[in-house]
Amino acid sequence: MKVLVTGGAGYIGSHMALELIDKNIEVIVLDNLASGFKKLIPPKAVFIKGDIGDLDLLNKIFNTHNFDAIAHFAADIKVEESIENPYKYYKNNTEKTLNFVNFLSLKKNQNLIFSSTAAVYDHLNNKLINEDDKLSPLNPYGYSKMMCEQIIKDIAKISTLNYFILRYFNVAGADPSLRSGQLTSKATHLIKVCVECALKKRPFLEIYGNDYLTTDGTCVRDYIHVSDLISGHLIALKHLINGGKSDICNLGYGYGYSVLEIVEKVKKVSGYNFTVKVKNKRRGDPSYLVSNPKKIKEIYGWNPSHNNIEKIIGSALDWEEKNNLIVWKIKKKCLFKLDFFGND
């Protein structure tokens, strides 16, 4: 079996590539490295540097390889940036996916797993979100993904394209063997930012708003470990490969934590205190996003094994500490070289 992973040098895409290789599945990673990191790509994966918007490159790749499935992760994902620069999100997420999916539809019997988001949903009701609930994004990022979903569904109706759309809630944590994790230098994911504060990589944490209609006034989110997220993708892959019908599922645990609850959990797990400052609300932030994962559990047998918030935080902390150690060793080595040559 062979799978193309777009965005395979990113946080989630690299975990998908690792899991596929662990199962002896051949992986081709396509990534332009605009936000990805080459060192996250598994050594056993074939890496092609390039963009999903490059149709000439896609033709070369598909003329060389026969894929059983495509896992499409390549996208821009920052909510606040999407508000400040909507063009970038409609260009990189929606337009490129339109051309990419149209390209796939011209090939025979392609299976597509699409990385979507809970940001497509209406946020007004503080209840568990089902797949058939109203879609009403608050920001261009959510709209760009919602439009991608519609593109995929519409093109699938007139072609042999099969799809499985997975709507992520808040992904966190790292590979249990610490082969991959979040490396973004200006991260916006809460758990990663809290961990960076605990390790004194940031001077303080900023909370955006404390007057939401939630228990403690801060936003509530459903946090899912990245390894459980990827196990859902493997279920989707197996379903499509076995000739299953196209479908859409949530990936989350079904319960949420507020921002302040996560802050206290990180302080407890890390053993470090850090300063927290409250700022004004950000545009485009819904107050409550928690999944109902009943569908993927009951129909497809998804059984998460990392659904423990302390475990998620612990893996994120271990990953961050590992990377701190690597950076320290590199700096120490460079200093040694400078001293050596300086004294020569």
C-alpha atoms as a PDB file:
ATOM      1  CA  MET A   1       0.000   0.000   0.000  1.00  0.00           C
ATOM      2  CA  LYS A   2       1.167   3.519  -0.789  1.00  0.00           C
ATOM      3  CA  VAL A   3      -0.201   6.805   0.603  1.00  0.00           C
ATOM      4  CA  LEU A   4       0.520  10.406  -0.375  1.00  0.00           C
ATOM      5  CA  VAL A   5       0.624  12.708   2.666  1.00  0.00           C
ATOM      6  CA  THR A   6       0.354  16.393   1.817  1.00  0.00           C
ATOM      7  CA  GLY A   7       1.693  18.625   4.574  1.00  0.00           C
ATOM      8  CA  GLY A   8       3.638  15.658   5.935  1.00  0.00           C
ATOM      9  CA  ALA A   9       6.353  17.904   7.381  1.00  0.00           C
ATOM     10  CA  GLY A  10       3.838  19.524   9.714  1.00  0.00           C
ATOM     11  CA  TYR A  11       2.728  18.612  13.210  1.00  0.00           C
ATOM     12  CA  ILE A  12      -0.221  16.338  12.380  1.00  0.00           C
ATOM     13  CA  GLY A  13       0.936  15.265   8.917  1.00  0.00           C
ATOM     14  CA  SER A  14       4.255  13.984  10.281  1.00  0.00           C
ATOM     15  CA  HIS A  15       2.417  11.892  12.876  1.00  0.00           C
ATOM     16  CA  MET A  16       0.304  10.396  10.091  1.00  0.00           C
ATOM     17  CA  ALA A  17       3.444   9.561   8.103  1.00  0.00           C
ATOM     18  CA  LEU A  18       5.027   7.928  11.178  1.00  0.00           C
ATOM     19  CA  GLU A  19       1.972   5.804  11.910  1.00  0.00           C
ATOM     20  CA  LEU A  20       1.664   4.633   8.305  1.00  0.00           C
ATOM     21  CA  ILE A  21       5.336   3.656   8.200  1.00  0.00           C
ATOM     22  CA  ASP A  22       4.968   1.844  11.538  1.00  0.00           C
ATOM     23  CA  LYS A  23       2.329  -0.265   9.763  1.00  0.00           C
ATOM     24  CA  ASN A  24       4.673  -0.950   6.818  1.00  0.00           C
ATOM     25  CA  ILE A  25       2.768   1.327   4.473  1.00  0.00           C
ATOM     26  CA  GLU A  26       4.835   3.224   1.916  1.00  0.00           C
ATOM     27  CA  VAL A  27       4.645   7.001   2.357  1.00  0.00           C
ATOM     28  CA  ILE A  28       5.321   9.866  -0.034  1.00  0.00           C
ATOM     29  CA  VAL A  29       5.382  13.257   1.689  1.00  0.00           C
ATOM     30  CA  LEU A  30       4.590  16.374  -0.344  1.00  0.00           C
ATOM     31  CA  ASP A  31       5.306  19.609   1.525  1.00  0.00           C
ATOM     32  CA  ASN A  32       6.499  23.069   0.495  1.00  0.00           C
ATOM     33  CA  LEU A  33       8.069  23.603   3.963  1.00  0.00           C
ATOM     34  CA  ALA A  34       6.358  27.005   4.294  1.00  0.00           C
ATOM     35  CA  SER A  35       5.321  26.036   7.814  1.00  0.00           C
ATOM     36  CA  GLY A  36       6.599  22.468   8.052  1.00  0.00           C
ATOM     37  CA  PHE A  37       9.950  21.125   9.209  1.00  0.00           C
ATOM     38  CA  LYS A  38      12.033  18.712   7.194  1.00  0.00           C
ATOM     39  CA  LYS A  39      13.367  17.071  10.377  1.00  0.00           C
ATOM     40  CA  LEU A  40       9.831  15.937  11.276  1.00  0.00           C
ATOM     41  CA  ILE A  41       9.572  13.826   8.127  1.00  0.00           C
ATOM     42  CA  PRO A  42      10.237  10.155   8.933  1.00  0.00           C
ATOM     43  CA  PRO A  43      13.521   8.909   7.422  1.00  0.00           C
ATOM     44  CA  LYS A  44      11.691   6.051   5.676  1.00  0.00           C
ATOM     45  CA  ALA A  45       9.304   8.402   3.871  1.00  0.00           C
ATOM     46  CA  VAL A  46      10.053   9.653   0.362  1.00  0.00           C
ATOM     47  CA  PHE A  47      10.066  13.440   0.538  1.00  0.00           C
ATOM     48  CA  ILE A  48       9.113  15.681  -2.376  1.00  0.00           C
ATOM     49  CA  LYS A  49       9.426  19.406  -1.779  1.00  0.00           C
ATOM     50  CA  GLY A  50       6.609  21.135  -3.557  1.00  0.00           C
ATOM     51  CA  ASP A  51       3.134  22.608  -3.434  1.00  0.00           C
ATOM     52  CA  ILE A  52      -0.273  21.010  -3.995  1.00  0.00           C
ATOM     53  CA  GLY A  53      -1.010  23.980  -6.253  1.00  0.00           C
ATOM     54  CA  ASP A  54       1.731  22.936  -8.695  1.00  0.00           C
ATOM     55  CA  LEU A  55      -0.189  20.849 -11.237  1.00  0.00           C
ATOM     56  CA  ASP A  56       2.911  20.043 -13.287  1.00  0.00           C
ATOM     57  CA  LEU A  57       4.559  18.569 -10.203  1.00  0.00           C
ATOM     58  CA  LEU A  58       1.385  16.642  -9.332  1.00  0.00           C
ATOM     59  CA  ASN A  59       1.361  15.125 -12.806  1.00  0.00           C
ATOM     60  CA  LYS A  60       4.964  13.984 -12.386  1.00  0.00           C
ATOM     61  CA  ILE A  61       4.214  12.485  -8.967  1.00  0.00           C
ATOM     62  CA  PHE A  62       1.086  10.635 -10.095  1.00  0.00           C
ATOM     63  CA  ASN A  63       2.774   9.406 -13.280  1.00  0.00           C
ATOM     64  CA  THR A  64       5.515   7.914 -11.076  1.00  0.00           C
ATOM     65  CA  HIS A  65       3.432   6.551  -8.193  1.00  0.00           C
ATOM     66  CA  ASN A  66       0.155   4.687  -7.866  1.00  0.00           C
ATOM     67  CA  PHE A  67      -1.493   5.718  -4.614  1.00  0.00           C
ATOM     68  CA  ASP A  68      -4.063   3.782  -2.636  1.00  0.00           C
ATOM     69  CA  ALA A  69      -5.049   6.947  -0.780  1.00  0.00           C
ATOM     70  CA  ILE A  70      -4.206  10.596  -0.255  1.00  0.00           C
ATOM     71  CA  ALA A  71      -4.156  12.182   3.211  1.00  0.00           C
ATOM     72  CA  HIS A  72      -4.504  15.930   2.716  1.00  0.00           C
ATOM     73  CA  PHE A  73      -3.146  17.965   5.655  1.00  0.00           C
ATOM     74  CA  ALA A  74      -1.518  20.886   3.825  1.00  0.00           C
ATOM     75  CA  ALA A  75      -3.146  24.115   5.057  1.00  0.00           C
ATOM     76  CA  ASP A  76      -2.740  27.331   7.010  1.00  0.00           C
ATOM     77  CA  ILE A  77      -4.405  27.012  10.407  1.00  0.00           C
ATOM     78  CA  LYS A  78      -4.132  30.183  12.519  1.00  0.00           C
ATOM     79  CA  VAL A  79      -7.512  31.739  13.284  1.00  0.00           C
ATOM     80  CA  GLU A  80      -6.301  35.246  14.115  1.00  0.00           C
ATOM     81  CA  GLU A  81      -4.035  35.357  11.059  1.00  0.00           C
ATOM     82  CA  SER A  82      -6.972  34.325   8.877  1.00  0.00           C
ATOM     83  CA  ILE A  83      -8.896  37.375  10.110  1.00  0.00           C
ATOM     84  CA  GLU A  84      -5.963  39.675   9.407  1.00  0.00           C
ATOM     85  CA  ASN A  85      -5.147  38.075   6.052  1.00  0.00           C
ATOM     86  CA  PRO A  86      -8.197  36.244   4.654  1.00  0.00           C
ATOM     87  CA  TYR A  87      -6.761  36.206   1.146  1.00  0.00           C
ATOM     88  CA  LYS A  88      -3.937  33.918   2.280  1.00  0.00           C
ATOM     89  CA  TYR A  89      -6.434  31.398   3.687  1.00  0.00           C
ATOM     90  CA  TYR A  90      -8.793  31.357   0.731  1.00  0.00           C
ATOM     91  CA  LYS A  91      -5.805  31.115  -1.596  1.00  0.00           C
ATOM     92  CA  ASN A  92      -3.769  28.451   0.224  1.00  0.00           C
ATOM     93  CA  ASN A  93      -6.593  26.439   1.751  1.00  0.00           C
ATOM     94  CA  THR A  94      -9.606  26.781  -0.535  1.00  0.00           C
ATOM     95  CA  GLU A  95      -8.296  27.582  -4.008  1.00  0.00           C
ATOM     96  CA  LYS A  96      -5.417  25.126  -3.866  1.00  0.00           C
ATOM     97  CA  THR A  97      -7.674  22.397  -2.492  1.00  0.00           C
ATOM     98  CA  LEU A  98     -10.170  23.096  -5.295  1.00  0.00           C
ATOM     99  CA  ASN A  99      -7.486  22.543  -7.929  1.00  0.00           C
ATOM    100  CA  PHE A 100      -5.990  19.593  -6.063  1.00  0.00           C
ATOM    101  CA  VAL A 101      -9.323  17.800  -5.631  1.00  0.00           C
ATOM    102  CA  ASN A 102     -10.254  18.473  -9.240  1.00  0.00           C
ATOM    103  CA  PHE A 103      -6.909  16.971 -10.260  1.00  0.00           C
ATOM    104  CA  LEU A 104      -7.601  13.889  -8.133  1.00  0.00           C
ATOM    105  CA  SER A 105     -11.073  13.500  -9.620  1.00  0.00           C
ATOM    106  CA  LEU A 106      -9.533  13.100 -13.083  1.00  0.00           C
ATOM    107  CA  LYS A 107      -7.667  10.046 -11.810  1.00  0.00           C
ATOM    108  CA  LYS A 108      -9.566   6.813 -11.323  1.00  0.00           C
ATOM    109  CA  ASN A 109     -10.869   5.665  -7.937  1.00  0.00           C
ATOM    110  CA  GLN A 110      -8.925   8.008  -5.690  1.00  0.00           C
ATOM    111  CA  ASN A 111      -9.461   7.826  -1.916  1.00  0.00           C
ATOM    112  CA  LEU A 112      -9.084  11.138  -0.069  1.00  0.00           C
ATOM    113  CA  ILE A 113      -8.806  11.703   3.686  1.00  0.00           C
ATOM    114  CA  PHE A 114      -9.328  15.399   4.379  1.00  0.00           C
ATOM    115  CA  SER A 115      -8.131  17.272   7.445  1.00  0.00           C
ATOM    116  CA  SER A 116     -10.955  19.598   8.498  1.00  0.00           C
ATOM    117  CA  THR A 117     -11.805  21.407  11.720  1.00  0.00           C
ATOM    118  CA  ALA A 118     -14.422  22.052  14.384  1.00  0.00           C
ATOM    119  CA  ALA A 119     -14.142  25.708  13.350  1.00  0.00           C
ATOM    120  CA  VAL A 120     -16.715  24.962  10.621  1.00  0.00           C
ATOM    121  CA  TYR A 121     -19.503  24.603  13.214  1.00  0.00           C
ATOM    122  CA  ASP A 122     -22.008  27.053  14.656  1.00  0.00           C
ATOM    123  CA  HIS A 123     -20.752  27.992  18.116  1.00  0.00           C
ATOM    124  CA  LEU A 124     -23.919  29.442  19.644  1.00  0.00           C
ATOM    125  CA  ASN A 125     -25.171  26.404  21.559  1.00  0.00           C
ATOM    126  CA  ASN A 126     -23.014  25.191  24.462  1.00  0.00           C
ATOM    127  CA  LYS A 127     -23.621  21.525  23.747  1.00  0.00           C
ATOM    128  CA  LEU A 128     -21.832  18.568  22.236  1.00  0.00           C
ATOM    129  CA  ILE A 129     -21.473  19.055  18.492  1.00  0.00           C
ATOM    130  CA  ASN A 130     -22.768  16.424  16.070  1.00  0.00           C
ATOM    131  CA  GLU A 131     -21.698  16.030  12.448  1.00  0.00           C
ATOM    132  CA  ASP A 132     -25.115  17.118  11.170  1.00  0.00           C
ATOM    133  CA  ASP A 133     -25.225  20.308  13.272  1.00  0.00           C
ATOM    134  CA  LYS A 134     -25.344  23.691  11.576  1.00  0.00           C
ATOM    135  CA  LEU A 135     -22.158  24.937   9.926  1.00  0.00           C
ATOM    136  CA  SER A 136     -21.503  28.608  10.615  1.00  0.00           C
ATOM    137  CA  PRO A 137     -17.819  29.543  10.979  1.00  0.00           C
ATOM    138  CA  LEU A 138     -16.725  32.618  12.915  1.00  0.00           C
ATOM    139  CA  ASN A 139     -13.545  33.269  10.941  1.00  0.00           C
ATOM    140  CA  PRO A 140     -11.994  32.923   7.464  1.00  0.00           C
ATOM    141  CA  TYR A 141     -10.019  29.854   8.559  1.00  0.00           C
ATOM    142  CA  GLY A 142     -13.252  28.028   9.377  1.00  0.00           C
ATOM    143  CA  TYR A 143     -14.879  29.264   6.180  1.00  0.00           C
ATOM    144  CA  SER A 144     -11.893  28.178   4.087  1.00  0.00           C
ATOM    145  CA  LYS A 145     -12.214  24.653   5.469  1.00  0.00           C
ATOM    146  CA  MET A 146     -16.005  24.575   5.134  1.00  0.00           C
ATOM    147  CA  MET A 147     -15.655  25.562   1.495  1.00  0.00           C
ATOM    148  CA  CYS A 148     -13.066  22.806   0.997  1.00  0.00           C
ATOM    149  CA  GLU A 149     -15.531  20.286   2.398  1.00  0.00           C
ATOM    150  CA  GLN A 150     -18.223  21.452  -0.016  1.00  0.00           C
ATOM    151  CA  ILE A 151     -15.790  21.305  -2.934  1.00  0.00           C
ATOM    152  CA  ILE A 152     -14.865  17.720  -2.050  1.00  0.00           C
ATOM    153  CA  LYS A 153     -18.506  16.644  -1.705  1.00  0.00           C
ATOM    154  CA  ASP A 154     -19.598  18.288  -4.948  1.00  0.00           C
ATOM    155  CA  ILE A 155     -16.714  16.959  -7.041  1.00  0.00           C
ATOM    156  CA  ALA A 156     -17.155  13.478  -5.567  1.00  0.00           C
ATOM    157  CA  LYS A 157     -20.749  13.458  -6.849  1.00  0.00           C
ATOM    158  CA  ILE A 158     -19.577  13.666 -10.457  1.00  0.00           C
ATOM    159  CA  SER A 159     -16.458  11.498 -10.257  1.00  0.00           C
ATOM    160  CA  THR A 160     -15.070   8.296  -8.750  1.00  0.00           C
ATOM    161  CA  LEU A 161     -13.469  10.226  -5.892  1.00  0.00           C
ATOM    162  CA  ASN A 162     -14.182   8.795  -2.429  1.00  0.00           C
ATOM    163  CA  TYR A 163     -13.575  10.855   0.680  1.00  0.00           C
ATOM    164  CA  PHE A 164     -13.511  10.761   4.450  1.00  0.00           C
ATOM    165  CA  ILE A 165     -13.628  14.193   6.093  1.00  0.00           C
ATOM    166  CA  LEU A 166     -12.408  14.381   9.682  1.00  0.00           C
ATOM    167  CA  ARG A 167     -13.307  17.436  11.750  1.00  0.00           C
ATOM    168  CA  TYR A 168     -10.643  17.977  14.406  1.00  0.00           C
ATOM    169  CA  PHE A 169     -11.169  19.519  17.769  1.00  0.00           C
ATOM    170  CA  ASN A 170      -8.087  20.828  19.661  1.00  0.00           C
ATOM    171  CA  VAL A 171      -5.102  18.622  18.882  1.00  0.00           C
ATOM    172  CA  ALA A 172      -2.273  18.473  21.424  1.00  0.00           C
ATOM    173  CA  GLY A 173       0.524  16.271  22.739  1.00  0.00           C
ATOM    174  CA  ALA A 174       3.331  14.439  20.969  1.00  0.00           C
ATOM    175  CA  ASP A 175       4.262  11.040  19.629  1.00  0.00           C
ATOM    176  CA  PRO A 176       4.768   8.703  22.644  1.00  0.00           C
ATOM    177  CA  SER A 177       8.275   7.889  21.363  1.00  0.00           C
ATOM    178  CA  LEU A 178       8.971  11.624  20.905  1.00  0.00           C
ATOM    179  CA  ARG A 179       9.710  11.251  17.204  1.00  0.00           C
ATOM    180  CA  SER A 180       7.473  14.209  16.374  1.00  0.00           C
ATOM    181  CA  GLY A 181       5.630  17.063  18.045  1.00  0.00           C
ATOM    182  CA  GLN A 182       4.883  20.753  17.675  1.00  0.00           C
ATOM    183  CA  LEU A 183       7.828  22.872  16.519  1.00  0.00           C
ATOM    184  CA  THR A 184       6.082  26.106  15.508  1.00  0.00           C
ATOM    185  CA  SER A 185       8.091  29.048  16.784  1.00  0.00           C
ATOM    186  CA  LYS A 186       5.053  31.321  17.204  1.00  0.00           C
ATOM    187  CA  ALA A 187       2.607  28.694  18.383  1.00  0.00           C
ATOM    188  CA  THR A 188      -1.000  29.570  19.199  1.00  0.00           C
ATOM    189  CA  HIS A 189      -2.068  26.158  20.573  1.00  0.00           C
ATOM    190  CA  LEU A 190      -2.853  26.652  24.265  1.00  0.00           C
ATOM    191  CA  ILE A 191      -1.167  23.557  25.702  1.00  0.00           C
ATOM    192  CA  LYS A 192       2.055  24.173  23.786  1.00  0.00           C
ATOM    193  CA  VAL A 193       2.113  27.832  24.826  1.00  0.00           C
ATOM    194  CA  CYS A 194       1.503  26.881  28.472  1.00  0.00           C
ATOM    195  CA  VAL A 195       4.311  24.316  28.321  1.00  0.00           C
ATOM    196  CA  GLU A 196       6.657  26.929  26.845  1.00  0.00           C
ATOM    197  CA  CYS A 197       5.748  29.240  29.739  1.00  0.00           C
ATOM    198  CA  ALA A 198       6.391  26.469  32.259  1.00  0.00           C
ATOM    199  CA  LEU A 199       9.841  25.921  30.732  1.00  0.00           C
ATOM    200  CA  LYS A 200      10.511  29.686  30.751  1.00  0.00           C
ATOM    201  CA  LYS A 201      10.633  29.935  26.975  1.00  0.00           C
ATOM    202  CA  ARG A 202       7.981  32.649  27.274  1.00  0.00           C
ATOM    203  CA  PRO A 203       7.780  35.268  30.033  1.00  0.00           C
ATOM    204  CA  PHE A 204       4.013  34.891  30.531  1.00  0.00           C
ATOM    205  CA  LEU A 205       0.788  33.484  29.132  1.00  0.00           C
ATOM    206  CA  GLU A 206      -1.870  35.727  27.642  1.00  0.00           C
ATOM    207  CA  ILE A 207      -5.514  34.690  28.041  1.00  0.00           C
ATOM    208  CA  TYR A 208      -7.821  36.305  25.521  1.00  0.00           C
ATOM    209  CA  GLY A 209     -11.009  37.129  27.370  1.00  0.00           C
ATOM    210  CA  ASN A 210     -12.448  35.978  30.698  1.00  0.00           C
ATOM    211  CA  ASP A 211     -16.076  37.013  30.287  1.00  0.00           C
ATOM    212  CA  TYR A 212     -17.368  34.279  27.984  1.00  0.00           C
ATOM    213  CA  LEU A 213     -20.588  32.500  28.963  1.00  0.00           C
ATOM    214  CA  THR A 214     -18.748  29.542  30.470  1.00  0.00           C
ATOM    215  CA  THR A 215     -18.218  28.343  34.040  1.00  0.00           C
ATOM    216  CA  ASP A 216     -15.095  30.442  34.672  1.00  0.00           C
ATOM    217  CA  GLY A 217     -15.448  32.941  31.821  1.00  0.00           C
ATOM    218  CA  THR A 218     -12.756  31.434  29.594  1.00  0.00           C
ATOM    219  CA  CYS A 219     -13.190  29.448  26.374  1.00  0.00           C
ATOM    220  CA  VAL A 220     -13.853  25.713  26.604  1.00  0.00           C
ATOM    221  CA  ARG A 221     -12.275  23.260  24.168  1.00  0.00           C
ATOM    222  CA  ASP A 222     -12.128  19.504  23.564  1.00  0.00           C
ATOM    223  CA  TYR A 223      -8.438  18.491  23.628  1.00  0.00           C
ATOM    224  CA  ILE A 224      -7.455  15.318  21.744  1.00  0.00           C
ATOM    225  CA  HIS A 225      -4.048  13.630  21.773  1.00  0.00           C
ATOM    226  CA  VAL A 226      -2.443  13.640  18.338  1.00  0.00           C
ATOM    227  CA  SER A 227      -1.925   9.847  18.407  1.00  0.00           C
ATOM    228  CA  ASP A 228      -5.656   9.274  18.962  1.00  0.00           C
ATOM    229  CA  LEU A 229      -6.382  11.719  16.170  1.00  0.00           C
ATOM    230  CA  ILE A 230      -4.180   9.708  13.814  1.00  0.00           C
ATOM    231  CA  SER A 231      -5.791   6.423  14.859  1.00  0.00           C
ATOM    232  CA  GLY A 232      -9.021   7.937  13.508  1.00  0.00           C
ATOM    233  CA  HIS A 233      -7.276   8.540  10.182  1.00  0.00           C
ATOM    234  CA  LEU A 234      -6.210   4.915   9.990  1.00  0.00           C
ATOM    235  CA  ILE A 235      -9.834   3.888  10.487  1.00  0.00           C
ATOM    236  CA  ALA A 236     -10.821   6.244   7.658  1.00  0.00           C
ATOM    237  CA  LEU A 237      -8.056   4.808   5.456  1.00  0.00           C
ATOM    238  CA  LYS A 238      -9.144   1.206   6.069  1.00  0.00           C
ATOM    239  CA  HIS A 239     -12.764   2.142   5.407  1.00  0.00           C
ATOM    240  CA  LEU A 240     -11.995   3.739   2.041  1.00  0.00           C
ATOM    241  CA  ILE A 241      -9.541   1.049   0.946  1.00  0.00           C
ATOM    242  CA  ASN A 242     -12.188  -1.581   1.644  1.00  0.00           C
ATOM    243  CA  GLY A 243     -14.654   0.212  -0.624  1.00  0.00           C
ATOM    244  CA  GLY A 244     -16.615   2.040   2.076  1.00  0.00           C
ATOM    245  CA  LYS A 245     -18.821   5.004   1.264  1.00  0.00           C
ATOM    246  CA  SER A 246     -17.696   8.603   1.726  1.00  0.00           C
ATOM    247  CA  ASP A 247     -18.365  10.042   5.166  1.00  0.00           C
ATOM    248  CA  ILE A 248     -17.703  12.836   7.690  1.00  0.00           C
ATOM    249  CA  CYS A 249     -16.778  12.322  11.354  1.00  0.00           C
ATOM    250  CA  ASN A 250     -15.738  14.350  14.382  1.00  0.00           C
ATOM    251  CA  LEU A 251     -12.502  13.572  16.186  1.00  0.00           C
ATOM    252  CA  GLY A 252     -12.587  14.625  19.816  1.00  0.00           C
ATOM    253  CA  TYR A 253     -13.226  13.095  23.224  1.00  0.00           C
ATOM    254  CA  GLY A 254     -16.618  14.572  24.049  1.00  0.00           C
ATOM    255  CA  TYR A 255     -15.656  16.663  27.064  1.00  0.00           C
ATOM    256  CA  GLY A 256     -13.982  20.030  27.396  1.00  0.00           C
ATOM    257  CA  TYR A 257     -11.626  22.053  29.566  1.00  0.00           C
ATOM    258  CA  SER A 258     -11.579  25.802  29.982  1.00  0.00           C
ATOM    259  CA  VAL A 259      -8.442  27.850  29.365  1.00  0.00           C
ATOM    260  CA  LEU A 260      -7.972  28.368  33.092  1.00  0.00           C
ATOM    261  CA  GLU A 261      -8.389  24.642  33.785  1.00  0.00           C
ATOM    262  CA  ILE A 262      -5.665  23.854  31.243  1.00  0.00           C
ATOM    263  CA  VAL A 263      -3.380  26.464  32.815  1.00  0.00           C
ATOM    264  CA  GLU A 264      -3.760  24.841  36.241  1.00  0.00           C
ATOM    265  CA  LYS A 265      -3.259  21.350  34.781  1.00  0.00           C
ATOM    266  CA  VAL A 266      -0.012  22.394  33.074  1.00  0.00           C
ATOM    267  CA  LYS A 267       1.261  24.001  36.277  1.00  0.00           C
ATOM    268  CA  LYS A 268       0.457  20.812  38.190  1.00  0.00           C
ATOM    269  CA  VAL A 269       1.992  18.386  35.672  1.00  0.00           C
ATOM    270  CA  SER A 270       5.116  20.487  35.056  1.00  0.00           C
ATOM    271  CA  GLY A 271       5.629  21.543  38.661  1.00  0.00           C
ATOM    272  CA  TYR A 272       6.263  25.096  37.465  1.00  0.00           C
ATOM    273  CA  ASN A 273       4.309  28.246  38.082  1.00  0.00           C
ATOM    274  CA  PHE A 274       4.094  30.978  35.462  1.00  0.00           C
ATOM    275  CA  THR A 275       2.505  34.369  35.061  1.00  0.00           C
ATOM    276  CA  VAL A 276      -0.906  34.669  33.399  1.00  0.00           C
ATOM    277  CA  LYS A 277      -2.237  37.929  31.963  1.00  0.00           C
ATOM    278  CA  VAL A 278      -5.772  38.583  30.757  1.00  0.00           C
ATOM    279  CA  LYS A 279      -6.220  40.518  27.516  1.00  0.00           C
ATOM    280  CA  ASN A 280      -9.222  41.429  25.392  1.00  0.00           C
ATOM    281  CA  LYS A 281     -11.069  38.784  23.442  1.00  0.00           C
ATOM    282  CA  ARG A 282      -9.738  37.835  20.036  1.00  0.00           C
ATOM    283  CA  ARG A 283     -12.000  38.059  17.033  1.00  0.00           C
ATOM    284  CA  GLY A 284     -13.191  34.719  15.765  1.00  0.00           C
ATOM    285  CA  ASP A 285     -12.917  32.739  19.018  1.00  0.00           C
ATOM    286  CA  PRO A 286     -16.038  30.699  19.855  1.00  0.00           C
ATOM    287  CA  SER A 287     -16.745  30.260  23.565  1.00  0.00           C
ATOM    288  CA  TYR A 288     -17.408  26.511  23.512  1.00  0.00           C
ATOM    289  CA  LEU A 289     -16.327  23.766  21.091  1.00  0.00           C
ATOM    290  CA  VAL A 290     -16.756  20.192  22.321  1.00  0.00           C
ATOM    291  CA  SER A 291     -17.365  17.195  20.068  1.00  0.00           C
ATOM    292  CA  ASN A 292     -19.824  14.382  20.135  1.00  0.00           C
ATOM    293  CA  PRO A 293     -17.604  11.480  18.968  1.00  0.00           C
ATOM    294  CA  LYS A 294     -20.458   8.940  19.057  1.00  0.00           C
ATOM    295  CA  LYS A 295     -20.495   8.382  15.299  1.00  0.00           C
ATOM    296  CA  ILE A 296     -16.851   7.410  14.807  1.00  0.00           C
ATOM    297  CA  LYS A 297     -16.946   5.271  17.950  1.00  0.00           C
ATOM    298  CA  GLU A 298     -20.161   3.372  17.272  1.00  0.00           C
ATOM    299  CA  ILE A 299     -20.034   3.024  13.492  1.00  0.00           C
ATOM    300  CA  TYR A 300     -16.272   2.715  12.955  1.00  0.00           C
ATOM    301  CA  GLY A 301     -15.016   1.359  16.272  1.00  0.00           C
ATOM    302  CA  TRP A 302     -12.657   4.206  17.179  1.00  0.00           C
ATOM    303  CA  ASN A 303     -11.290   3.564  20.667  1.00  0.00           C
ATOM    304  CA  PRO A 304      -8.915   6.314  21.909  1.00  0.00           C
ATOM    305  CA  SER A 305      -6.156   5.237  24.284  1.00  0.00           C
ATOM    306  CA  HIS A 306      -4.609   8.596  25.263  1.00  0.00           C
ATOM    307  CA  ASN A 307      -7.745  10.391  26.481  1.00  0.00           C
ATOM    308  CA  ASN A 308      -6.277  11.772  29.673  1.00  0.00           C
ATOM    309  CA  ILE A 309      -5.476  15.468  29.907  1.00  0.00           C
ATOM    310  CA  GLU A 310      -2.466  14.958  32.192  1.00  0.00           C
ATOM    311  CA  LYS A 311      -1.108  12.385  29.726  1.00  0.00           C
ATOM    312  CA  ILE A 312      -1.559  14.822  26.848  1.00  0.00           C
ATOM    313  CA  ILE A 313       0.164  17.630  28.736  1.00  0.00           C
ATOM    314  CA  GLY A 314       2.932  15.278  29.875  1.00  0.00           C
ATOM    315  CA  SER A 315       3.750  14.234  26.312  1.00  0.00           C
ATOM    316  CA  ALA A 316       3.811  17.876  25.198  1.00  0.00           C
ATOM    317  CA  LEU A 317       6.111  18.702  28.104  1.00  0.00           C
ATOM    318  CA  ASP A 318       8.430  15.771  27.317  1.00  0.00           C
ATOM    319  CA  TRP A 319       8.644  16.848  23.680  1.00  0.00           C
ATOM    320  CA  GLU A 320       9.415  20.455  24.580  1.00  0.00           C
ATOM    321  CA  GLU A 321      12.077  19.395  27.085  1.00  0.00           C
ATOM    322  CA  LYS A 322      13.653  17.083  24.518  1.00  0.00           C
ATOM    323  CA  ASN A 323      13.892  19.919  22.020  1.00  0.00           C
ATOM    324  CA  ASN A 324      15.293  22.255  24.667  1.00  0.00           C
ATOM    325  CA  LEU A 325      18.031  19.693  25.317  1.00  0.00           C
ATOM    326  CA  ILE A 326      18.794  19.351  21.601  1.00  0.00           C
ATOM    327  CA  VAL A 327      19.010  23.140  21.178  1.00  0.00           C
ATOM    328  CA  TRP A 328      21.249  23.390  24.256  1.00  0.00           C
ATOM    329  CA  LYS A 329      23.585  20.705  22.897  1.00  0.00           C
ATOM    330  CA  ILE A 330      23.771  22.444  19.516  1.00  0.00           C
ATOM    331  CA  LYS A 331      24.526  25.796  21.159  1.00  0.00           C
ATOM    332  CA  LYS A 332      27.145  24.194  23.409  1.00  0.00           C
ATOM    333  CA  LYS A 333      28.765  22.533  20.396  1.00  0.00           C
ATOM    334  CA  CYS A 334      28.808  25.842  18.490  1.00  0.00           C
ATOM    335  CA  LEU A 335      30.327  27.663  21.449  1.00  0.00           C
ATOM    336  CA  PHE A 336      33.010  24.996  21.701  1.00  0.00           C
ATOM    337  CA  LYS A 337      33.842  25.436  18.020  1.00  0.00           C
ATOM    338  CA  LEU A 338      34.005  29.197  18.385  1.00  0.00           C
ATOM    339  CA  ASP A 339      36.323  28.900  21.393  1.00  0.00           C
ATOM    340  CA  PHE A 340      38.468  26.334  19.592  1.00  0.00           C
ATOM    341  CA  PHE A 341      38.929  28.424  16.471  1.00  0.00           C
ATOM    342  CA  GLY A 342      39.276  31.588  18.506  1.00  0.00           C
ATOM    343  CA  ASN A 343      42.219  30.144  20.383  1.00  0.00           C
ATOM    344  CA  ASP A 344      43.861  28.615  17.351  1.00  0.00           C
END
